[in-house]
Protein backbone atom coordinates (compact mmCIF):
# COMPACT_ATOMS: atom_id res chain seq x y z
CA PHE A 1 91.27 -148.01 88.50
CA ILE A 2 88.32 -145.56 88.32
CA LYS A 3 89.00 -143.31 85.32
CA ASP A 4 86.54 -143.77 82.45
CA ARG A 5 84.69 -146.59 84.24
CA LYS A 6 81.14 -146.94 85.55
CA ILE A 7 81.34 -147.03 89.34
CA LEU A 8 78.48 -148.14 91.61
CA VAL A 9 78.77 -147.09 95.26
CA THR A 10 76.51 -148.55 97.95
CA GLY A 11 76.20 -146.57 101.14
CA SER A 12 76.93 -143.43 99.13
CA SER A 13 75.49 -141.11 101.81
CA GLY A 14 77.61 -142.57 104.59
CA THR A 15 81.03 -141.40 105.65
CA ILE A 16 82.99 -144.07 103.79
CA GLY A 17 80.63 -144.40 100.81
CA GLY A 18 80.49 -140.61 100.50
CA GLU A 19 84.27 -140.46 100.37
CA LEU A 20 84.32 -143.20 97.72
CA LEU A 21 81.79 -141.17 95.74
CA LYS A 22 84.01 -138.06 95.92
CA ILE A 23 87.10 -140.08 94.95
CA SER A 24 85.22 -141.52 91.96
CA ILE A 25 84.21 -138.02 90.82
CA LYS A 26 87.72 -136.63 91.35
CA ASN A 27 89.34 -139.51 89.45
CA GLY A 28 87.24 -139.22 86.31
CA ALA A 29 84.66 -141.98 86.52
CA LYS A 30 82.57 -142.10 83.35
CA GLU A 31 79.38 -142.63 85.37
CA ILE A 32 78.63 -143.08 89.06
CA ILE A 33 75.63 -144.90 90.46
CA ALA A 34 75.03 -143.81 94.07
CA ILE A 35 72.80 -146.06 96.21
CA ASP A 36 71.81 -145.51 99.84
CA HIS A 37 68.67 -145.91 101.94
CA ASN A 38 69.26 -142.48 103.52
CA GLU A 39 66.87 -140.26 101.57
CA LEU A 40 68.15 -136.99 103.04
CA GLY A 41 71.77 -137.96 102.38
CA GLN A 42 70.93 -138.85 98.79
CA TYR A 43 69.10 -135.55 98.39
CA ASP A 44 72.24 -133.75 99.59
CA ILE A 45 74.17 -135.48 96.78
CA PHE A 46 71.39 -134.57 94.33
CA GLU A 47 71.63 -130.89 95.35
CA LYS A 48 75.29 -130.82 94.28
CA LYS A 49 74.11 -131.39 90.68
CA TYR A 50 76.96 -133.64 89.57
CA ASN A 51 76.81 -134.29 85.82
CA ASN A 52 77.54 -138.00 85.86
CA VAL A 53 76.00 -139.20 89.17
CA ASN A 54 72.78 -141.21 89.15
CA ILE A 55 71.16 -141.24 92.58
CA TYR A 56 68.94 -144.01 93.95
CA VAL A 57 67.26 -144.41 97.32
CA SER A 58 67.20 -148.09 98.21
CA THR A 59 68.19 -150.52 100.90
CA VAL A 60 70.63 -153.28 99.92
CA LEU A 61 67.86 -155.70 100.92
CA ASN A 62 65.71 -154.72 97.91
CA LYS A 63 67.26 -157.28 95.57
CA ASP A 64 64.83 -156.92 92.64
CA TYR A 65 65.19 -153.14 92.48
CA LEU A 66 68.98 -153.35 92.79
CA ASP A 67 69.08 -155.85 89.93
CA GLU A 68 67.09 -153.38 87.78
CA ILE A 69 69.64 -150.65 88.58
CA PHE A 70 72.55 -152.95 87.66
CA LYS A 71 70.88 -153.99 84.40
CA LYS A 72 70.18 -150.35 83.48
CA HIS A 73 73.67 -148.96 84.22
CA LYS A 74 75.96 -151.98 83.77
CA PRO A 75 78.63 -150.92 86.30
CA ASP A 76 82.26 -151.96 85.77
CA ILE A 77 83.20 -151.64 89.45
CA VAL A 78 81.11 -151.95 92.61
CA LEU A 79 82.34 -150.31 95.83
CA HIS A 80 80.18 -151.82 98.57
CA ALA A 81 80.26 -149.64 101.69
CA ALA A 82 76.62 -149.98 102.78
CA ALA A 83 76.42 -151.52 106.25
CA TYR A 84 75.51 -150.91 109.84
CA LYS A 85 78.92 -150.09 111.27
CA HIS A 86 78.29 -148.64 114.72
CA VAL A 87 79.46 -151.32 117.18
CA HIS A 88 77.22 -150.32 120.10
CA LEU A 89 74.06 -149.77 118.07
CA SER A 90 74.62 -153.10 116.34
CA GLU A 91 74.63 -154.80 119.76
CA TYR A 92 71.18 -153.29 120.45
CA SER A 93 69.85 -154.18 116.97
CA ILE A 94 71.30 -157.64 116.42
CA SER A 95 68.74 -159.02 113.97
CA SER A 96 68.70 -155.82 111.89
CA THR A 97 72.49 -155.76 111.74
CA ILE A 98 72.69 -159.43 110.70
CA LYS A 99 70.04 -158.93 108.02
CA ASN A 100 71.41 -155.64 106.66
CA ASN A 101 75.10 -156.54 106.70
CA ILE A 102 75.03 -160.22 105.71
CA ILE A 103 71.95 -160.49 103.48
CA GLY A 104 72.57 -157.03 102.00
CA THR A 105 76.17 -157.91 101.13
CA LYS A 106 75.12 -161.28 99.71
CA ASN A 107 72.56 -159.50 97.53
CA ILE A 108 75.12 -157.03 96.17
CA VAL A 109 77.75 -159.75 95.57
CA ASP A 110 75.27 -162.05 93.82
CA ILE A 111 73.84 -159.26 91.65
CA SER A 112 77.36 -158.11 90.74
CA ILE A 113 78.29 -161.62 89.61
CA SER A 114 75.05 -162.19 87.69
CA ASN A 115 75.52 -158.83 85.90
CA ASN A 116 79.17 -159.53 84.97
CA VAL A 117 80.67 -156.71 87.05
CA LYS A 118 84.44 -156.70 86.51
CA LYS A 119 85.50 -155.76 90.08
CA PHE A 120 83.66 -155.91 93.39
CA VAL A 121 85.26 -154.22 96.41
CA PHE A 122 83.80 -155.11 99.80
CA ILE A 123 84.54 -152.57 102.53
CA SER A 124 85.11 -154.59 105.68
CA THR A 125 86.56 -153.74 109.08
CA ASP A 126 89.47 -154.63 111.31
CA LYS A 127 86.78 -155.84 113.74
CA ALA A 128 86.19 -158.87 111.46
CA VAL A 129 89.40 -160.41 112.84
CA ASN A 130 88.47 -162.66 115.78
CA PRO A 131 85.24 -160.68 116.23
CA THR A 132 84.03 -159.81 119.72
CA ASN A 133 80.86 -157.98 118.63
CA ILE A 134 77.95 -158.44 116.24
CA MET A 135 79.15 -155.85 113.75
CA GLY A 136 82.57 -157.52 113.43
CA ALA A 137 80.99 -160.97 113.25
CA THR A 138 78.70 -159.94 110.39
CA LYS A 139 81.61 -158.47 108.47
CA SER A 140 83.61 -161.67 109.04
CA VAL A 141 80.75 -163.74 107.60
CA CYS A 142 80.63 -161.38 104.59
CA GLU A 143 84.37 -161.75 104.02
CA LEU A 144 83.99 -165.55 104.07
CA TYR A 145 81.17 -165.32 101.54
CA CYS A 146 83.26 -163.05 99.28
CA GLN A 147 86.22 -165.46 99.49
CA ASN A 148 84.21 -168.59 98.74
CA ILE A 149 81.57 -167.64 96.17
CA GLU A 150 82.00 -168.86 92.59
CA SER A 151 82.68 -165.47 91.04
CA ASN A 152 82.40 -166.34 87.32
CA GLY A 153 85.07 -163.81 86.35
CA THR A 154 84.19 -161.02 88.79
CA ASP A 155 87.26 -160.03 90.83
CA ILE A 156 86.06 -159.90 94.44
CA ILE A 157 88.25 -157.94 96.83
CA SER A 158 87.79 -157.32 100.56
CA VAL A 159 89.41 -154.29 102.16
CA ARG A 160 89.53 -153.85 105.93
CA PHE A 161 89.28 -150.37 107.39
CA GLY A 162 90.04 -149.53 111.01
CA ASN A 163 88.49 -146.53 112.71
CA VAL A 164 87.99 -143.83 110.11
CA LEU A 165 88.71 -140.49 111.75
CA GLY A 166 85.75 -138.17 111.64
CA SER A 167 83.35 -140.87 110.47
CA SER A 168 79.91 -141.40 111.90
CA GLY A 169 80.25 -143.62 114.96
CA SER A 170 84.07 -143.51 115.00
CA VAL A 171 85.81 -143.94 118.32
């Protein structure tokens, strides 16, 4: 799935995105494009001096810049892990969570389709099922968008994770 392909990971400094980055390196990706708004986290990746990892600091809300990155690198597969995932903090920051999770995901999906990405993997959550909180509700909306967008040949896949042991904000 990953070997000899160009992989773009959003949320690459986060717990899940960081693991996807490591898996991509371990499984022989030709090139990895790591995107996250966490400057310090991205610097930590930079310090590891990986040969085939291109590091960008950007929010998923910066659509024009993201499109430039996609056009430059032409990823084969996008692993979209960038999101606000902490249930309690999302309840305190409702508008930010809605904007980041829904608009950010829409941006990445739309850019992937317009740049002919072969596979798009959306990292969702078990909390998207009959959501009882803002974080789960935003992920549910994103899943619906992924399921209903005209994909023009891009395979769009949603994967639900439960609590990830040891992750930031995990129960």
